């Protein structure tokens, strides 16, 4: 059996449709269907049940899809052992993290790991919480940095969590704003302000909208950015205010931050697949993430 085809089958189990698997794999839906048909021929077993244009896994397909994850993890572990000659961390570890954790947690950890473990390669993937759990489950990531507090993805018994830190959600305003330096702020006092939001349906856009509505108002959104640096630049220019996680507030920007009167804090966790073969490389990355202190957010 071809490992690449096993990964496609595993993705189908997690993502649900051939089209979603194709998008995640940078393939066309027809190519995915062809490769899955080849896998059926290789195993001499019906793995898919086709109904019109839709497919679903047969009982045999479900068994193979879920065993495939363990098979692929084992292959990764064997490769790492061969490259590392034993317990020395070596091989490729794919680390997925949301945007604010990339620059504040992941990149500093990777820099230190490169000095300590020259045979270890860490591939960084920007994955927001709604995308990181599926990526971990299908094997596109070995470790993810995520948050469980506002995550719409179910955790389940197949994942192990490692607590890393806590991160407050902050009100971010220009330096001369009336809310700057006032301590904790009641969000209702900002009902008439222009707001900078993340893109629709993203983790922070949904959270910010929910917090504004809980405070009794519909925010007037004047811009949407998928990059926190652009949001900070817009706020710095006095054009908007924003709700951002503390990890996202880069001190290079002249902005002021305030805690909310009704505090909102998220727990930052690392997650790995439970039952995967223990790898020295994965443990080395987890240990490095756990020992670092994230940078402090910009003050008021």
Protein backbone atom coordinates (compact mmCIF):
# COMPACT_ATOMS: atom_id res chain seq x y z
CA UNK A 1 0.00 0.00 0.00
CA UNK A 2 1.23 3.44 -0.93
CA UNK A 3 1.57 5.74 2.15
CA UNK A 4 0.45 8.76 0.13
CA UNK A 5 -2.81 7.03 -0.78
CA UNK A 6 -3.30 5.97 2.84
CA UNK A 7 -3.02 9.62 3.84
CA UNK A 8 -5.70 10.56 1.30
CA UNK A 9 -8.00 7.92 2.77
CA UNK A 10 -7.33 9.18 6.29
CA UNK A 11 -8.14 12.72 5.17
CA UNK A 12 -11.41 11.55 3.65
CA UNK A 13 -12.40 10.05 7.01
CA UNK A 14 -11.68 13.37 8.77
CA UNK A 15 -12.79 15.91 6.16
CA UNK A 16 -15.80 14.05 4.83
CA UNK A 17 -15.75 14.81 1.09
CA UNK A 18 -13.47 14.20 -1.86
CA UNK A 19 -13.58 17.92 -2.67
CA UNK A 20 -12.31 18.84 0.80
CA UNK A 21 -9.53 16.24 0.54
CA UNK A 22 -8.57 17.66 -2.86
CA UNK A 23 -8.33 21.20 -1.48
CA UNK A 24 -6.23 20.07 1.49
CA UNK A 25 -3.93 18.05 -0.79
CA UNK A 26 -3.61 20.57 -3.65
CA UNK A 27 -5.11 18.05 -6.07
CA UNK A 28 -8.17 17.94 -8.27
CA UNK A 29 -11.17 15.93 -7.03
CA UNK A 30 -10.79 13.56 -9.98
CA UNK A 31 -7.14 12.87 -9.04
CA UNK A 32 -8.16 12.07 -5.46
CA UNK A 33 -10.89 9.72 -6.70
CA UNK A 34 -8.42 7.98 -9.04
CA UNK A 35 -5.87 7.46 -6.27
CA UNK A 36 -8.50 6.08 -3.90
CA UNK A 37 -9.61 3.67 -6.63
CA UNK A 38 -5.99 2.52 -6.98
CA UNK A 39 -5.87 1.96 -3.21
CA UNK A 40 -8.98 -0.21 -3.45
CA UNK A 41 -7.25 -2.27 -6.14
CA UNK A 42 -4.09 -2.56 -4.02
CA UNK A 43 -6.04 -3.82 -1.00
CA UNK A 44 -8.49 -5.97 -3.01
CA UNK A 45 -11.20 -4.48 -0.80
CA UNK A 46 -14.12 -2.10 -1.36
CA UNK A 47 -13.20 0.96 0.67
CA UNK A 48 -15.72 3.44 -0.73
CA UNK A 49 -19.43 3.35 -1.33
CA UNK A 50 -20.47 5.67 -4.15
CA UNK A 51 -23.91 7.30 -4.29
CA UNK A 52 -24.15 9.64 -7.24
CA UNK A 53 -21.31 12.13 -6.89
CA UNK A 54 -20.83 11.48 -3.19
CA UNK A 55 -18.75 8.80 -1.56
CA UNK A 56 -18.57 7.45 1.95
CA UNK A 57 -16.27 4.96 3.58
CA UNK A 58 -17.38 1.35 3.91
CA UNK A 59 -16.75 -0.40 7.26
CA UNK A 60 -13.51 -1.74 5.78
CA UNK A 61 -12.62 1.75 4.59
CA UNK A 62 -13.18 3.18 8.07
CA UNK A 63 -10.94 0.55 9.63
CA UNK A 64 -8.14 1.17 7.14
CA UNK A 65 -8.46 4.97 7.39
CA UNK A 66 -8.05 4.91 11.15
CA UNK A 67 -5.29 2.32 11.11
CA UNK A 68 -3.57 4.43 8.44
CA UNK A 69 -2.83 7.15 10.97
CA UNK A 70 -0.94 4.72 13.19
CA UNK A 71 0.86 3.27 10.15
CA UNK A 72 1.96 6.70 8.94
CA UNK A 73 3.05 7.77 12.43
CA UNK A 74 5.09 4.58 12.75
CA UNK A 75 6.79 5.20 9.41
CA UNK A 76 7.65 8.77 10.46
CA UNK A 77 9.08 7.45 13.71
CA UNK A 78 11.22 4.82 12.00
CA UNK A 79 12.55 7.39 9.54
CA UNK A 80 13.42 9.75 12.40
CA UNK A 81 15.24 6.97 14.28
CA UNK A 82 17.29 6.09 11.22
CA UNK A 83 18.20 9.72 10.59
CA UNK A 84 18.95 10.43 14.23
CA UNK A 85 20.83 7.22 15.09
CA UNK A 86 18.85 6.63 18.25
CA UNK A 87 17.49 9.08 20.80
CA UNK A 88 19.01 12.26 19.35
CA UNK A 89 16.09 14.35 18.00
CA UNK A 90 16.12 14.18 14.22
CA UNK A 91 13.86 14.20 11.23
CA UNK A 92 10.91 16.38 10.27
CA UNK A 93 8.35 17.71 12.75
CA UNK A 94 5.42 19.68 11.33
CA UNK A 95 4.31 22.34 13.80
CA UNK A 96 1.01 24.11 13.16
CA UNK A 97 0.17 27.32 15.01
CA UNK A 98 -2.22 30.22 14.79
CA UNK A 99 -0.89 33.55 13.59
CA UNK A 100 -0.06 35.26 16.89
CA UNK A 101 1.68 32.14 18.22
CA UNK A 102 3.90 31.88 15.13
CA UNK A 103 6.02 34.95 15.85
CA UNK A 104 5.75 34.93 19.65
CA UNK A 105 6.18 31.22 20.44
CA UNK A 106 6.92 28.99 17.46
CA UNK A 107 9.70 30.95 15.73
CA UNK A 108 11.76 31.54 18.93
CA UNK A 109 11.45 27.82 19.76
CA UNK A 110 12.57 26.78 16.28
CA UNK A 111 15.60 29.10 16.47
CA UNK A 112 16.74 27.50 19.73
CA UNK A 113 16.07 23.98 18.45
CA UNK A 114 18.21 24.61 15.38
CA UNK A 115 21.19 25.36 17.62
CA UNK A 116 20.67 22.40 19.93
CA UNK A 117 19.60 19.70 17.49
CA UNK A 118 21.15 20.15 14.02
CA UNK A 119 19.49 17.00 12.65
CA UNK A 120 16.00 18.20 13.62
CA UNK A 121 13.92 20.02 10.99
CA UNK A 122 10.76 21.91 12.01
CA UNK A 123 8.27 22.90 9.32
CA UNK A 124 6.00 25.74 10.47
CA UNK A 125 2.39 25.83 9.26
CA UNK A 126 0.05 28.75 9.90
CA UNK A 127 -3.19 27.12 11.02
CA UNK A 128 -6.03 28.86 12.85
CA UNK A 129 -7.77 26.82 15.58
CA UNK A 130 -10.67 25.78 13.35
CA UNK A 131 -8.21 24.24 10.87
CA UNK A 132 -5.49 22.91 13.16
CA UNK A 133 -7.43 20.10 14.80
CA UNK A 134 -8.40 18.45 11.47
CA UNK A 135 -4.82 18.89 10.21
CA UNK A 136 -3.48 17.12 13.29
CA UNK A 137 -5.96 14.29 13.00
CA UNK A 138 -5.19 13.55 9.35
CA UNK A 139 -1.43 13.72 9.89
CA UNK A 140 -0.73 17.03 8.13
CA UNK A 141 0.74 18.29 11.42
CA UNK A 142 2.59 16.45 14.18
CA UNK A 143 2.03 19.12 16.84
CA UNK A 144 -0.33 22.08 16.91
CA UNK A 145 -0.47 25.17 19.08
CA UNK A 146 -4.12 25.93 19.58
CA UNK A 147 -6.69 27.05 22.11
CA UNK A 148 -9.52 25.00 23.53
CA UNK A 149 -11.54 27.82 25.11
CA UNK A 150 -13.43 29.04 22.05
CA UNK A 151 -12.63 26.26 19.61
CA UNK A 152 -15.57 24.85 17.67
CA UNK A 153 -13.63 21.67 16.86
CA UNK A 154 -14.32 18.77 19.25
CA UNK A 155 -11.28 17.46 21.12
CA UNK A 156 -12.16 13.80 21.62
CA UNK A 157 -10.06 11.02 23.18
CA UNK A 158 -7.66 10.83 20.22
CA UNK A 159 -5.62 13.89 21.24
CA UNK A 160 -3.25 14.64 24.11
CA UNK A 161 -3.07 18.26 25.31
CA UNK A 162 -0.11 20.04 26.91
CA UNK A 163 -0.86 23.39 28.56
CA UNK A 164 1.58 26.10 27.47
CA UNK A 165 0.33 29.45 28.80
CA UNK A 166 -2.67 31.74 29.15
CA UNK A 167 -3.37 34.72 26.93
CA UNK A 168 -5.81 37.58 27.64
CA UNK A 169 -7.97 39.18 24.99
CA UNK A 170 -7.19 42.91 25.05
CA UNK A 171 -8.76 46.10 23.78
CA UNK A 172 -6.21 47.76 21.48
CA UNK A 173 -6.51 51.52 20.86
CA UNK A 174 -4.33 54.39 19.52
CA UNK A 175 -2.03 55.99 22.13
CA UNK A 176 -4.16 59.14 22.51
CA UNK A 177 -7.48 57.32 22.78
CA UNK A 178 -9.66 58.11 25.85
CA UNK A 179 -9.58 54.42 26.82
CA UNK A 180 -5.75 54.40 26.93
CA UNK A 181 -4.45 54.18 30.46
CA UNK A 182 -7.88 53.81 32.08
CA UNK A 183 -7.38 50.32 33.39
CA UNK A 184 -10.08 47.75 32.72
CA UNK A 185 -12.58 48.93 30.10
CA UNK A 186 -16.28 48.16 29.78
CA UNK A 187 -16.69 47.14 26.15
CA UNK A 188 -20.12 48.80 26.01
CA UNK A 189 -18.33 52.19 26.22
CA UNK A 190 -16.83 51.47 22.78
CA UNK A 191 -20.14 50.91 21.00
CA UNK A 192 -19.74 53.92 18.68
CA UNK A 193 -16.11 53.28 17.76
CA UNK A 194 -14.84 52.13 14.33
CA UNK A 195 -13.60 48.56 14.61
CA UNK A 196 -10.89 46.54 12.87
CA UNK A 197 -11.86 42.88 12.59
CA UNK A 198 -10.31 39.68 11.31
CA UNK A 199 -11.76 38.12 8.16
CA UNK A 200 -15.32 36.72 8.41
CA UNK A 201 -15.78 33.36 10.16
CA UNK A 202 -12.24 33.36 11.52
CA UNK A 203 -11.57 32.55 15.17
CA UNK A 204 -10.96 36.15 16.31
CA UNK A 205 -13.71 37.66 14.13
CA UNK A 206 -16.27 35.32 15.67
CA UNK A 207 -14.98 35.94 19.19
CA UNK A 208 -14.89 39.74 18.82
CA UNK A 209 -18.38 39.83 17.34
CA UNK A 210 -19.70 37.65 20.15
CA UNK A 211 -18.12 39.87 22.84
CA UNK A 212 -19.51 43.06 21.27
CA UNK A 213 -23.01 41.61 21.04
CA UNK A 214 -22.82 40.38 24.63
CA UNK A 215 -22.05 44.01 25.54
CA UNK A 216 -25.23 45.14 23.79
CA UNK A 217 -24.08 46.56 20.46
CA UNK A 218 -23.35 45.67 16.87
CA UNK A 219 -19.81 46.79 15.99
CA UNK A 220 -19.23 49.20 13.11
CA UNK A 221 -16.52 47.30 11.22
CA UNK A 222 -14.47 49.61 8.99
CA UNK A 223 -11.78 47.14 7.89
CA UNK A 224 -10.94 43.45 7.94
CA UNK A 225 -7.40 42.05 7.88
CA UNK A 226 -6.15 38.48 8.03
CA UNK A 227 -2.81 39.78 9.35
CA UNK A 228 -2.49 41.18 12.88
CA UNK A 229 0.36 43.45 11.84
CA UNK A 230 -1.97 45.26 9.42
CA UNK A 231 -4.59 45.55 12.16
CA UNK A 232 -2.03 47.08 14.54
CA UNK A 233 -0.90 49.53 11.86
CA UNK A 234 -4.51 50.59 11.25
CA UNK A 235 -5.10 51.11 14.99
CA UNK A 236 -1.77 52.95 15.36
CA UNK A 237 -2.91 55.38 12.64
CA UNK A 238 -6.00 56.23 14.71
CA UNK A 239 -8.42 54.73 12.20
CA UNK A 240 -9.93 52.00 14.38
CA UNK A 241 -9.80 50.03 17.61
CA UNK A 242 -9.62 46.26 17.90
CA UNK A 243 -9.90 43.24 20.15
CA UNK A 244 -6.76 41.14 19.90
CA UNK A 245 -5.13 38.35 21.89
CA UNK A 246 -2.20 39.53 23.94
CA UNK A 247 0.25 37.40 21.93
CA UNK A 248 -0.69 39.35 18.81
CA UNK A 249 0.24 42.78 20.17
CA UNK A 250 3.69 43.51 18.78
CA UNK A 251 5.57 46.16 20.79
CA UNK A 252 6.96 47.68 17.58
CA UNK A 253 3.59 49.38 17.07
CA UNK A 254 2.57 52.48 19.03
CA UNK A 255 -0.71 51.27 20.46
CA UNK A 256 -2.18 51.09 23.94
CA UNK A 257 -3.86 48.04 25.44
CA UNK A 258 -6.41 47.62 28.19
CA UNK A 259 -7.89 44.57 29.84
CA UNK A 260 -11.63 44.10 29.62
CA UNK A 261 -13.85 44.77 32.65
CA UNK A 262 -15.28 41.31 32.04
CA UNK A 263 -11.96 39.47 31.53
CA UNK A 264 -11.59 37.05 28.65
CA UNK A 265 -8.60 34.72 28.76
CA UNK A 266 -7.76 31.83 26.49
CA UNK A 267 -5.63 28.84 27.39
CA UNK A 268 -2.89 28.11 24.86
CA UNK A 269 -2.20 24.41 24.45
CA UNK A 270 -0.08 22.12 22.36
CA UNK A 271 -1.76 18.99 21.04
CA UNK A 272 -0.46 15.73 19.59
CA UNK A 273 -2.21 12.60 18.38
CA UNK A 274 -2.70 10.07 21.15
CA UNK A 275 -1.27 6.64 20.45
CA UNK A 276 1.27 7.80 17.86
CA UNK A 277 4.74 6.31 18.12
CA UNK A 278 6.83 8.34 20.62
CA UNK A 279 9.45 10.31 18.73
CA UNK A 280 12.42 12.09 20.27
CA UNK A 281 11.95 14.90 17.75
CA UNK A 282 8.34 15.55 18.77
CA UNK A 283 9.25 15.49 22.46
CA UNK A 284 12.08 17.95 21.83
CA UNK A 285 9.73 20.44 20.17
CA UNK A 286 7.13 20.07 22.93
CA UNK A 287 9.75 20.58 25.63
CA UNK A 288 11.02 23.71 23.91
CA UNK A 289 7.51 25.16 23.62
CA UNK A 290 6.84 24.48 27.29
CA UNK A 291 9.98 26.12 28.64
CA UNK A 292 9.65 29.50 26.94
CA UNK A 293 7.85 32.56 28.25
CA UNK A 294 5.86 34.40 25.57
CA UNK A 295 6.68 38.11 25.18
CA UNK A 296 4.58 40.57 27.13
CA UNK A 297 1.97 42.58 25.27
CA UNK A 298 2.35 46.31 24.72
CA UNK A 299 1.31 48.31 27.74
CA UNK A 300 -1.09 51.20 28.00
